[in-house]
All heavy atoms as atom14 arrays in JSON, in Angstrom:
{
  "sequence": "YSEVNKYVRTNLLIKLQKLNTSASQQKIRRVQNRLEKCI",
  "atom14_mask": [
    [1, 1, 1, 1, 1, 1, 1, 1, 1, 1, 1, 1, 0, 0],
    [1, 1, 1, 1, 1, 1, 0, 0, 0, 0, 0, 0, 0, 0],
    [1, 1, 1, 1, 1, 1, 1, 1, 1, 0, 0, 0, 0, 0],
    [1, 1, 1, 1, 1, 1, 1, 0, 0, 0, 0, 0, 0, 0],
    [1, 1, 1, 1, 1, 1, 1, 1, 0, 0, 0, 0, 0, 0],
    [1, 1, 1, 1, 1, 1, 1, 1, 1, 0, 0, 0, 0, 0],
    [1, 1, 1, 1, 1, 1, 1, 1, 1, 1, 1, 1, 0, 0],
    [1, 1, 1, 1, 1, 1, 1, 0, 0, 0, 0, 0, 0, 0],
    [1, 1, 1, 1, 1, 1, 1, 1, 1, 1, 1, 0, 0, 0],
    [1, 1, 1, 1, 1, 1, 1, 0, 0, 0, 0, 0, 0, 0],
    [1, 1, 1, 1, 1, 1, 1, 1, 0, 0, 0, 0, 0, 0],
    [1, 1, 1, 1, 1, 1, 1, 1, 0, 0, 0, 0, 0, 0],
    [1, 1, 1, 1, 1, 1, 1, 1, 0, 0, 0, 0, 0, 0],
    [1, 1, 1, 1, 1, 1, 1, 1, 0, 0, 0, 0, 0, 0],
    [1, 1, 1, 1, 1, 1, 1, 1, 1, 0, 0, 0, 0, 0],
    [1, 1, 1, 1, 1, 1, 1, 1, 0, 0, 0, 0, 0, 0],
    [1, 1, 1, 1, 1, 1, 1, 1, 1, 0, 0, 0, 0, 0],
    [1, 1, 1, 1, 1, 1, 1, 1, 1, 0, 0, 0, 0, 0],
    [1, 1, 1, 1, 1, 1, 1, 1, 0, 0, 0, 0, 0, 0],
    [1, 1, 1, 1, 1, 1, 1, 1, 0, 0, 0, 0, 0, 0],
    [1, 1, 1, 1, 1, 1, 1, 0, 0, 0, 0, 0, 0, 0],
    [1, 1, 1, 1, 1, 1, 0, 0, 0, 0, 0, 0, 0, 0],
    [1, 1, 1, 1, 1, 0, 0, 0, 0, 0, 0, 0, 0, 0],
    [1, 1, 1, 1, 1, 1, 0, 0, 0, 0, 0, 0, 0, 0],
    [1, 1, 1, 1, 1, 1, 1, 1, 1, 0, 0, 0, 0, 0],
    [1, 1, 1, 1, 1, 1, 1, 1, 1, 0, 0, 0, 0, 0],
    [1, 1, 1, 1, 1, 1, 1, 1, 1, 0, 0, 0, 0, 0],
    [1, 1, 1, 1, 1, 1, 1, 1, 0, 0, 0, 0, 0, 0],
    [1, 1, 1, 1, 1, 1, 1, 1, 1, 1, 1, 0, 0, 0],
    [1, 1, 1, 1, 1, 1, 1, 1, 1, 1, 1, 0, 0, 0],
    [1, 1, 1, 1, 1, 1, 1, 0, 0, 0, 0, 0, 0, 0],
    [1, 1, 1, 1, 1, 1, 1, 1, 1, 0, 0, 0, 0, 0],
    [1, 1, 1, 1, 1, 1, 1, 1, 0, 0, 0, 0, 0, 0],
    [1, 1, 1, 1, 1, 1, 1, 1, 1, 1, 1, 0, 0, 0],
    [1, 1, 1, 1, 1, 1, 1, 1, 0, 0, 0, 0, 0, 0],
    [1, 1, 1, 1, 1, 1, 1, 1, 1, 0, 0, 0, 0, 0],
    [1, 1, 1, 1, 1, 1, 1, 1, 1, 0, 0, 0, 0, 0],
    [1, 1, 1, 1, 1, 1, 0, 0, 0, 0, 0, 0, 0, 0],
    [1, 1, 1, 1, 1, 1, 1, 1, 0, 0, 0, 0, 0, 0]
  ],
  "atom14_positions": [
    [[10.38, -25.58, -10.79], [10.48, -24.12, -10.78], [9.62, -23.51, -11.87], [8.94, -22.48, -11.66], [11.94, -23.69, -10.97], [12.76, -23.67, -9.71], [13.97, -24.35, -9.64], [12.34, -22.97, -8.58], [14.74, -24.34, -8.47], [13.1, -22.95, -7.42], [14.3, -23.64, -7.37], [15.05, -23.61, -6.23], [0.0, 0.0, 0.0], [0.0, 0.0, 0.0]],
    [[9.62, -24.11, -13.06], [8.86, -23.59, -14.18], [7.36, -23.6, -13.9], [6.65, -22.63, -14.21], [9.17, -24.41, -15.44], [8.36, -24.0, -16.52], [0.0, 0.0, 0.0], [0.0, 0.0, 0.0], [0.0, 0.0, 0.0], [0.0, 0.0, 0.0], [0.0, 0.0, 0.0], [0.0, 0.0, 0.0], [0.0, 0.0, 0.0], [0.0, 0.0, 0.0]],
    [[6.87, -24.68, -13.29], [5.43, -24.78, -13.01], [5.0, -23.77, -11.95], [3.93, -23.16, -12.08], [5.09, -26.21, -12.56], [5.2, -27.25, -13.66], [4.23, -26.99, -14.8], [3.03, -26.8, -14.53], [4.68, -26.95, -15.95], [0.0, 0.0, 0.0], [0.0, 0.0, 0.0], [0.0, 0.0, 0.0], [0.0, 0.0, 0.0], [0.0, 0.0, 0.0]],
    [[5.8, -23.58, -10.91], [5.45, -22.59, -9.89], [5.51, -21.19, -10.5], [4.64, -20.35, -10.24], [6.38, -22.7, -8.67], [5.99, -21.65, -7.61], [6.3, -24.08, -8.05], [0.0, 0.0, 0.0], [0.0, 0.0, 0.0], [0.0, 0.0, 0.0], [0.0, 0.0, 0.0], [0.0, 0.0, 0.0], [0.0, 0.0, 0.0], [0.0, 0.0, 0.0]],
    [[6.53, -20.91, -11.31], [6.61, -19.62, -11.99], [5.41, -19.39, -12.9], [4.88, -18.26, -12.99], [7.9, -19.53, -12.82], [9.14, -19.37, -11.96], [9.06, -19.01, -10.79], [10.3, -19.65, -12.54], [0.0, 0.0, 0.0], [0.0, 0.0, 0.0], [0.0, 0.0, 0.0], [0.0, 0.0, 0.0], [0.0, 0.0, 0.0], [0.0, 0.0, 0.0]],
    [[4.98, -20.44, -13.57], [3.82, -20.34, -14.44], [2.56, -20.01, -13.64], [1.75, -19.17, -14.06], [3.64, -21.66, -15.2], [2.42, -21.71, -16.11], [2.28, -23.07, -16.75], [1.01, -23.18, -17.57], [0.84, -24.55, -18.15], [0.0, 0.0, 0.0], [0.0, 0.0, 0.0], [0.0, 0.0, 0.0], [0.0, 0.0, 0.0], [0.0, 0.0, 0.0]],
    [[2.4, -20.65, -12.49], [1.23, -20.36, -11.65], [1.27, -18.92, -11.14], [0.24, -18.22, -11.14], [1.18, -21.33, -10.47], [0.1, -20.99, -9.47], [-1.23, -21.32, -9.72], [0.41, -20.3, -8.29], [-2.23, -20.98, -8.83], [-0.59, -19.98, -7.39], [-1.9, -20.31, -7.66], [-2.89, -19.96, -6.77], [0.0, 0.0, 0.0], [0.0, 0.0, 0.0]],
    [[2.44, -18.46, -10.72], [2.57, -17.08, -10.24], [2.24, -16.11, -11.36], [1.53, -15.11, -11.15], [4.01, -16.85, -9.71], [4.24, -15.36, -9.44], [4.24, -17.65, -8.44], [0.0, 0.0, 0.0], [0.0, 0.0, 0.0], [0.0, 0.0, 0.0], [0.0, 0.0, 0.0], [0.0, 0.0, 0.0], [0.0, 0.0, 0.0], [0.0, 0.0, 0.0]],
    [[2.73, -16.38, -12.56], [2.56, -15.45, -13.69], [1.13, -15.43, -14.2], [0.59, -14.36, -14.52], [3.52, -15.85, -14.81], [3.48, -14.95, -16.01], [4.58, -15.32, -17.01], [4.46, -16.69, -17.47], [5.26, -17.7, -17.08], [6.21, -17.47, -16.2], [5.09, -18.91, -17.56], [0.0, 0.0, 0.0], [0.0, 0.0, 0.0], [0.0, 0.0, 0.0]],
    [[0.47, -16.58, -14.29], [-0.84, -16.67, -14.92], [-2.0, -16.6, -13.93], [-3.15, -16.42, -14.36], [-0.96, -17.98, -15.7], [-0.8, -19.1, -14.8], [0.1, -18.06, -16.78], [0.0, 0.0, 0.0], [0.0, 0.0, 0.0], [0.0, 0.0, 0.0], [0.0, 0.0, 0.0], [0.0, 0.0, 0.0], [0.0, 0.0, 0.0], [0.0, 0.0, 0.0]],
    [[-1.72, -16.74, -12.64], [-2.82, -16.79, -11.68], [-2.6, -15.82, -10.52], [-3.38, -14.9, -10.3], [-2.98, -18.23, -11.17], [-4.26, -18.43, -10.38], [-4.54, -17.7, -9.45], [-5.04, -19.44, -10.76], [0.0, 0.0, 0.0], [0.0, 0.0, 0.0], [0.0, 0.0, 0.0], [0.0, 0.0, 0.0], [0.0, 0.0, 0.0], [0.0, 0.0, 0.0]],
    [[-1.53, -16.03, -9.79], [-1.34, -15.28, -8.55], [-1.09, -13.8, -8.81], [-1.63, -12.94, -8.09], [-0.17, -15.9, -7.76], [0.1, -15.31, -6.37], [-1.12, -15.47, -5.48], [1.31, -15.98, -5.74], [0.0, 0.0, 0.0], [0.0, 0.0, 0.0], [0.0, 0.0, 0.0], [0.0, 0.0, 0.0], [0.0, 0.0, 0.0], [0.0, 0.0, 0.0]],
    [[-0.26, -13.47, -9.79], [0.05, -12.06, -10.06], [-1.2, -11.28, -10.43], [-1.36, -10.12, -10.04], [1.08, -11.96, -11.19], [2.55, -12.01, -10.79], [3.43, -11.83, -12.01], [2.86, -10.94, -9.77], [0.0, 0.0, 0.0], [0.0, 0.0, 0.0], [0.0, 0.0, 0.0], [0.0, 0.0, 0.0], [0.0, 0.0, 0.0], [0.0, 0.0, 0.0]],
    [[-2.09, -11.9, -11.2], [-3.33, -11.22, -11.6], [-4.17, -10.9, -10.38], [-4.71, -9.79, -10.25], [-4.1, -12.11, -12.59], [-3.28, -12.31, -13.87], [-5.45, -11.49, -12.93], [-3.9, -13.29, -14.85], [0.0, 0.0, 0.0], [0.0, 0.0, 0.0], [0.0, 0.0, 0.0], [0.0, 0.0, 0.0], [0.0, 0.0, 0.0], [0.0, 0.0, 0.0]],
    [[-4.26, -11.86, -9.45], [-5.03, -11.61, -8.23], [-4.39, -10.55, -7.37], [-5.07, -9.71, -6.77], [-5.18, -12.92, -7.45], [-6.03, -13.97, -8.15], [-6.12, -15.24, -7.32], [-7.0, -16.27, -8.03], [-7.09, -17.54, -7.25], [0.0, 0.0, 0.0], [0.0, 0.0, 0.0], [0.0, 0.0, 0.0], [0.0, 0.0, 0.0], [0.0, 0.0, 0.0]],
    [[-3.07, -10.58, -7.28], [-2.37, -9.58, -6.46], [-2.55, -8.17, -7.02], [-2.77, -7.21, -6.27], [-0.88, -9.92, -6.39], [-0.48, -11.11, -5.51], [0.98, -11.45, -5.72], [-0.75, -10.82, -4.04], [0.0, 0.0, 0.0], [0.0, 0.0, 0.0], [0.0, 0.0, 0.0], [0.0, 0.0, 0.0], [0.0, 0.0, 0.0], [0.0, 0.0, 0.0]],
    [[-2.49, -8.04, -8.32], [-2.58, -6.72, -8.94], [-4.0, -6.17, -8.93], [-4.21, -4.96, -9.03], [-2.04, -6.78, -10.37], [-0.54, -7.03, -10.44], [-0.06, -7.33, -11.84], [-0.86, -7.51, -12.75], [1.26, -7.39, -12.02], [0.0, 0.0, 0.0], [0.0, 0.0, 0.0], [0.0, 0.0, 0.0], [0.0, 0.0, 0.0], [0.0, 0.0, 0.0]],
    [[-5.0, -7.05, -8.8], [-6.4, -6.61, -8.74], [-6.83, -6.18, -7.34], [-7.86, -5.56, -7.18], [-7.32, -7.72, -9.24], [-7.28, -7.92, -10.75], [-8.25, -9.01, -11.18], [-8.24, -9.17, -12.69], [-9.18, -10.25, -13.13], [0.0, 0.0, 0.0], [0.0, 0.0, 0.0], [0.0, 0.0, 0.0], [0.0, 0.0, 0.0], [0.0, 0.0, 0.0]],
    [[-6.04, -6.55, -6.33], [-6.42, -6.19, -4.97], [-6.3, -4.69, -4.76], [-5.36, -4.05, -5.23], [-5.52, -6.93, -3.97], [-5.76, -8.43, -3.82], [-4.79, -9.01, -2.82], [-7.19, -8.73, -3.41], [0.0, 0.0, 0.0], [0.0, 0.0, 0.0], [0.0, 0.0, 0.0], [0.0, 0.0, 0.0], [0.0, 0.0, 0.0], [0.0, 0.0, 0.0]],
    [[-7.22, -4.13, -4.02], [-7.18, -2.72, -3.66], [-7.72, -2.54, -2.26], [-8.02, -3.51, -1.56], [-7.97, -1.87, -4.67], [-9.38, -2.43, -4.89], [-10.08, -2.75, -3.93], [-9.78, -2.55, -6.15], [0.0, 0.0, 0.0], [0.0, 0.0, 0.0], [0.0, 0.0, 0.0], [0.0, 0.0, 0.0], [0.0, 0.0, 0.0], [0.0, 0.0, 0.0]],
    [[-7.84, -1.34, -1.84], [-8.28, -1.08, -0.45], [-9.7, -1.53, -0.19], [-10.08, -1.76, 0.96], [-8.17, 0.42, -0.15], [-8.9, 1.15, -1.15], [-6.7, 0.87, -0.19], [0.0, 0.0, 0.0], [0.0, 0.0, 0.0], [0.0, 0.0, 0.0], [0.0, 0.0, 0.0], [0.0, 0.0, 0.0], [0.0, 0.0, 0.0], [0.0, 0.0, 0.0]],
    [[-10.5, -1.66, -1.23], [-11.9, -2.07, -1.02], [-12.09, -3.58, -0.97], [-13.21, -4.05, -0.77], [-12.77, -1.48, -2.15], [-12.33, -1.99, -3.41], [0.0, 0.0, 0.0], [0.0, 0.0, 0.0], [0.0, 0.0, 0.0], [0.0, 0.0, 0.0], [0.0, 0.0, 0.0], [0.0, 0.0, 0.0], [0.0, 0.0, 0.0], [0.0, 0.0, 0.0]],
    [[-11.04, -4.36, -1.19], [-11.16, -5.82, -1.16], [-11.43, -6.3, 0.26], [-10.97, -5.71, 1.24], [-9.89, -6.46, -1.69], [0.0, 0.0, 0.0], [0.0, 0.0, 0.0], [0.0, 0.0, 0.0], [0.0, 0.0, 0.0], [0.0, 0.0, 0.0], [0.0, 0.0, 0.0], [0.0, 0.0, 0.0], [0.0, 0.0, 0.0], [0.0, 0.0, 0.0]],
    [[-12.21, -7.37, 0.36], [-12.56, -7.91, 1.67], [-11.35, -8.58, 2.31], [-10.43, -9.02, 1.61], [-13.7, -8.92, 1.53], [-13.28, -10.03, 0.74], [0.0, 0.0, 0.0], [0.0, 0.0, 0.0], [0.0, 0.0, 0.0], [0.0, 0.0, 0.0], [0.0, 0.0, 0.0], [0.0, 0.0, 0.0], [0.0, 0.0, 0.0], [0.0, 0.0, 0.0]],
    [[-11.39, -8.64, 3.64], [-10.28, -9.27, 4.36], [-10.16, -10.75, 4.02], [-9.06, -11.3, 3.98], [-10.48, -9.08, 5.87], [-10.3, -7.66, 6.35], [-8.89, -7.18, 6.12], [-7.92, -7.92, 6.3], [-8.75, -5.91, 5.7], [0.0, 0.0, 0.0], [0.0, 0.0, 0.0], [0.0, 0.0, 0.0], [0.0, 0.0, 0.0], [0.0, 0.0, 0.0]],
    [[-11.3, -11.41, 3.78], [-11.26, -12.83, 3.44], [-10.55, -13.05, 2.1], [-9.75, -13.98, 1.95], [-12.69, -13.38, 3.37], [-12.76, -14.88, 3.08], [-14.2, -15.38, 3.05], [-15.13, -14.6, 3.2], [-14.36, -16.68, 2.85], [0.0, 0.0, 0.0], [0.0, 0.0, 0.0], [0.0, 0.0, 0.0], [0.0, 0.0, 0.0], [0.0, 0.0, 0.0]],
    [[-10.82, -12.17, 1.13], [-10.16, -12.3, -0.17], [-8.68, -12.01, -0.06], [-7.85, -12.71, -0.66], [-10.83, -11.33, -1.15], [-10.37, -11.52, -2.59], [-11.15, -10.61, -3.51], [-10.73, -10.83, -4.96], [-11.5, -9.95, -5.89], [0.0, 0.0, 0.0], [0.0, 0.0, 0.0], [0.0, 0.0, 0.0], [0.0, 0.0, 0.0], [0.0, 0.0, 0.0]],
    [[-8.32, -10.99, 0.73], [-6.9, -10.67, 0.93], [-6.19, -11.83, 1.61], [-5.07, -12.2, 1.24], [-6.76, -9.38, 1.74], [-7.28, -8.19, 0.94], [-5.31, -9.15, 2.14], [-7.3, -6.89, 1.71], [0.0, 0.0, 0.0], [0.0, 0.0, 0.0], [0.0, 0.0, 0.0], [0.0, 0.0, 0.0], [0.0, 0.0, 0.0], [0.0, 0.0, 0.0]],
    [[-6.85, -12.44, 2.62], [-6.24, -13.55, 3.35], [-6.05, -14.76, 2.43], [-5.04, -15.47, 2.52], [-7.1, -13.93, 4.54], [-6.39, -14.83, 5.55], [-7.28, -15.16, 6.75], [-7.75, -13.95, 7.4], [-9.02, -13.54, 7.39], [-9.94, -14.24, 6.73], [-9.38, -12.44, 8.02], [0.0, 0.0, 0.0], [0.0, 0.0, 0.0], [0.0, 0.0, 0.0]],
    [[-7.01, -14.99, 1.51], [-6.89, -16.12, 0.6], [-5.7, -15.93, -0.35], [-4.93, -16.86, -0.58], [-8.19, -16.27, -0.2], [-8.25, -17.56, -1.01], [-9.52, -17.64, -1.83], [-10.71, -17.53, -1.01], [-11.6, -16.55, -1.1], [-11.44, -15.59, -2.0], [-12.67, -16.52, -0.32], [0.0, 0.0, 0.0], [0.0, 0.0, 0.0], [0.0, 0.0, 0.0]],
    [[-5.55, -14.73, -0.87], [-4.42, -14.46, -1.76], [-3.1, -14.52, -0.99], [-2.09, -15.01, -1.48], [-4.6, -13.09, -2.43], [-3.39, -12.75, -3.29], [-5.86, -13.07, -3.28], [0.0, 0.0, 0.0], [0.0, 0.0, 0.0], [0.0, 0.0, 0.0], [0.0, 0.0, 0.0], [0.0, 0.0, 0.0], [0.0, 0.0, 0.0], [0.0, 0.0, 0.0]],
    [[-3.14, -14.03, 0.27], [-1.94, -14.09, 1.11], [-1.5, -15.53, 1.34], [-0.3, -15.84, 1.27], [-2.24, -13.41, 2.46], [-1.13, -13.51, 3.49], [-0.05, -12.48, 3.29], [-0.26, -11.5, 2.57], [1.1, -12.68, 3.89], [0.0, 0.0, 0.0], [0.0, 0.0, 0.0], [0.0, 0.0, 0.0], [0.0, 0.0, 0.0], [0.0, 0.0, 0.0]],
    [[-2.45, -16.42, 1.57], [-2.13, -17.84, 1.78], [-1.54, -18.46, 0.52], [-0.6, -19.27, 0.6], [-3.38, -18.61, 2.2], [-3.87, -18.22, 3.59], [-3.09, -17.72, 4.41], [-5.15, -18.42, 3.87], [0.0, 0.0, 0.0], [0.0, 0.0, 0.0], [0.0, 0.0, 0.0], [0.0, 0.0, 0.0], [0.0, 0.0, 0.0], [0.0, 0.0, 0.0]],
    [[-2.06, -18.08, -0.64], [-1.52, -18.59, -1.9], [-0.09, -18.11, -2.12], [0.78, -18.85, -2.58], [-2.42, -18.15, -3.06], [-3.67, -19.0, -3.22], [-3.27, -20.41, -3.63], [-4.41, -21.3, -3.73], [-4.33, -22.57, -4.1], [-3.15, -23.1, -4.35], [-5.39, -23.33, -4.16], [0.0, 0.0, 0.0], [0.0, 0.0, 0.0], [0.0, 0.0, 0.0]],
    [[0.13, -16.83, -1.8], [1.47, -16.28, -1.95], [2.46, -16.99, -1.03], [3.57, -17.35, -1.44], [1.45, -14.79, -1.65], [2.79, -14.05, -1.68], [3.44, -14.16, -3.05], [2.62, -12.59, -1.29], [0.0, 0.0, 0.0], [0.0, 0.0, 0.0], [0.0, 0.0, 0.0], [0.0, 0.0, 0.0], [0.0, 0.0, 0.0], [0.0, 0.0, 0.0]],
    [[2.07, -17.19, 0.21], [2.94, -17.89, 1.16], [3.16, -19.34, 0.73], [4.25, -19.89, 0.94], [2.33, -17.84, 2.55], [2.32, -16.45, 3.17], [1.65, -16.41, 4.52], [1.03, -17.44, 4.9], [1.7, -15.36, 5.19], [0.0, 0.0, 0.0], [0.0, 0.0, 0.0], [0.0, 0.0, 0.0], [0.0, 0.0, 0.0], [0.0, 0.0, 0.0]],
    [[2.15, -19.96, 0.13], [2.3, -21.34, -0.37], [3.35, -21.4, -1.48], [4.21, -22.3, -1.5], [0.96, -21.85, -0.89], [1.01, -23.23, -1.54], [1.38, -24.31, -0.55], [1.31, -25.68, -1.19], [1.75, -26.75, -0.26], [0.0, 0.0, 0.0], [0.0, 0.0, 0.0], [0.0, 0.0, 0.0], [0.0, 0.0, 0.0], [0.0, 0.0, 0.0]],
    [[3.31, -20.45, -2.4], [4.29, -20.42, -3.49], [5.7, -20.19, -2.97], [6.66, -20.84, -3.4], [3.92, -19.33, -4.5], [2.44, -19.69, -5.46], [0.0, 0.0, 0.0], [0.0, 0.0, 0.0], [0.0, 0.0, 0.0], [0.0, 0.0, 0.0], [0.0, 0.0, 0.0], [0.0, 0.0, 0.0], [0.0, 0.0, 0.0], [0.0, 0.0, 0.0]],
    [[5.83, -19.24, -2.02], [7.15, -18.97, -1.45], [7.67, -20.2, -0.7], [8.86, -20.53, -0.76], [7.08, -17.74, -0.53], [6.77, -16.5, -1.35], [8.39, -17.55, 0.24], [6.58, -15.24, -0.53], [0.0, 0.0, 0.0], [0.0, 0.0, 0.0], [0.0, 0.0, 0.0], [0.0, 0.0, 0.0], [0.0, 0.0, 0.0], [0.0, 0.0, 0.0]]
  ]
}
């Protein structure tokens, strides 16, 4: 649990918060896959 939380906090959250409407669909899909992998 600690390692997954660490990855979410130090990697995934930063990518999620940087996404905006101008991000490409490929980048959004890549982050979406990472999020689903963590869940």
